[in-house]
């Protein structure tokens, strides 16, 4: 799988909607083949007994708790300052 052909690169270029020159096709054939060989080496590494690394910073919870903040102003007091409203909704012009 690691040795790609010119046709493979042209198919990838077509799927990616790229227009490649002949020189670029040759260059990418070699480069992508090397990348795939490296990935194959990583795939062959024995990882039995190793724990997966899900997170490396050591932080356990970086989110804040959900708390309701009451600023001492009621919804009605805020809505009475609107130029136009429909019940408890802000009324705006239609935007398309």
Protein backbone atom coordinates (compact mmCIF):
# COMPACT_ATOMS: atom_id res chain seq x y z
CA UNK A 1 0.00 0.00 0.00
CA UNK A 2 2.89 2.35 0.66
CA UNK A 3 4.03 2.43 -2.97
CA UNK A 4 1.62 4.68 -4.78
CA UNK A 5 1.44 4.87 -8.54
CA UNK A 6 1.07 7.91 -10.73
CA UNK A 7 -2.58 6.94 -11.29
CA UNK A 8 -3.18 6.88 -7.52
CA UNK A 9 -1.86 10.42 -7.19
CA UNK A 10 -3.91 11.61 -10.15
CA UNK A 11 -7.03 10.06 -8.60
CA UNK A 12 -6.29 11.77 -5.26
CA UNK A 13 -5.74 15.06 -7.08
CA UNK A 14 -9.05 14.68 -8.90
CA UNK A 15 -10.90 13.89 -5.66
CA UNK A 16 -9.25 16.92 -4.06
CA UNK A 17 -10.01 19.06 -7.10
CA UNK A 18 -6.34 19.88 -7.56
CA UNK A 19 -4.59 20.44 -10.86
CA UNK A 20 -1.07 19.08 -10.65
CA UNK A 21 1.75 19.45 -13.12
CA UNK A 22 3.78 16.39 -14.14
CA UNK A 23 6.58 17.46 -11.80
CA UNK A 24 4.16 17.82 -8.89
CA UNK A 25 2.69 14.39 -9.59
CA UNK A 26 6.15 12.84 -9.42
CA UNK A 27 7.02 14.79 -6.27
CA UNK A 28 3.79 13.85 -4.48
CA UNK A 29 4.11 10.22 -5.52
CA UNK A 30 7.42 10.00 -3.64
CA UNK A 31 6.33 12.13 -0.66
CA UNK A 32 3.00 10.45 -0.03
CA UNK A 33 4.58 7.01 -0.40
CA UNK A 34 7.13 7.94 2.29
CA UNK A 35 4.36 9.19 4.58
CA UNK A 36 2.41 5.97 4.15
CA UNK A 37 5.53 3.91 4.88
CA UNK A 38 5.99 5.85 8.12
CA UNK A 39 2.36 5.27 9.08
CA UNK A 40 2.85 1.56 8.38
CA UNK A 41 5.86 1.58 10.74
CA UNK A 42 3.71 3.17 13.45
CA UNK A 43 0.99 0.60 12.83
CA UNK A 44 3.50 -2.22 13.37
CA UNK A 45 4.62 -0.96 16.81
CA UNK A 46 3.58 -3.25 19.69
CA UNK A 47 1.39 -1.21 22.03
CA UNK A 48 0.01 -4.00 24.18
CA UNK A 49 -0.05 -3.07 27.84
CA UNK A 50 0.06 0.68 27.21
CA UNK A 51 -2.74 2.86 28.50
CA UNK A 52 -4.33 5.19 25.94
CA UNK A 53 -3.42 8.87 26.29
CA UNK A 54 -6.66 10.82 26.26
CA UNK A 55 -5.36 13.99 27.87
CA UNK A 56 -1.81 15.11 28.64
CA UNK A 57 -2.14 18.28 30.73
CA UNK A 58 -3.26 16.65 33.95
CA UNK A 59 -6.32 18.88 34.24
CA UNK A 60 -9.46 17.08 35.31
CA UNK A 61 -12.24 19.63 34.87
CA UNK A 62 -11.73 22.95 33.12
CA UNK A 63 -15.37 23.96 32.79
CA UNK A 64 -17.16 26.25 35.18
CA UNK A 65 -20.31 25.23 37.04
CA UNK A 66 -23.64 26.38 35.65
CA UNK A 67 -24.90 29.02 38.01
CA UNK A 68 -27.79 31.43 37.53
CA UNK A 69 -26.73 35.03 38.12
CA UNK A 70 -29.43 37.35 39.39
CA UNK A 71 -28.57 40.97 38.66
CA UNK A 72 -31.60 42.38 40.48
CA UNK A 73 -33.46 43.38 37.30
CA UNK A 74 -36.64 41.60 36.32
CA UNK A 75 -37.47 40.47 32.80
CA UNK A 76 -40.36 42.93 32.66
CA UNK A 77 -38.09 45.85 33.58
CA UNK A 78 -35.72 44.93 30.76
CA UNK A 79 -38.49 44.41 28.19
CA UNK A 80 -40.24 47.72 28.93
CA UNK A 81 -37.29 49.61 27.35
CA UNK A 82 -37.72 47.98 23.93
CA UNK A 83 -38.99 50.00 20.98
CA UNK A 84 -41.26 47.10 19.92
CA UNK A 85 -42.25 43.84 21.57
CA UNK A 86 -44.76 41.03 21.25
CA UNK A 87 -45.61 39.58 24.68
CA UNK A 88 -42.22 38.53 26.13
CA UNK A 89 -40.36 38.62 22.80
CA UNK A 90 -38.28 41.33 21.15
CA UNK A 91 -39.97 42.39 17.92
CA UNK A 92 -37.67 43.18 14.99
CA UNK A 93 -38.14 43.76 11.28
CA UNK A 94 -38.09 40.75 9.02
CA UNK A 95 -34.60 40.06 7.67
CA UNK A 96 -34.05 38.00 4.55
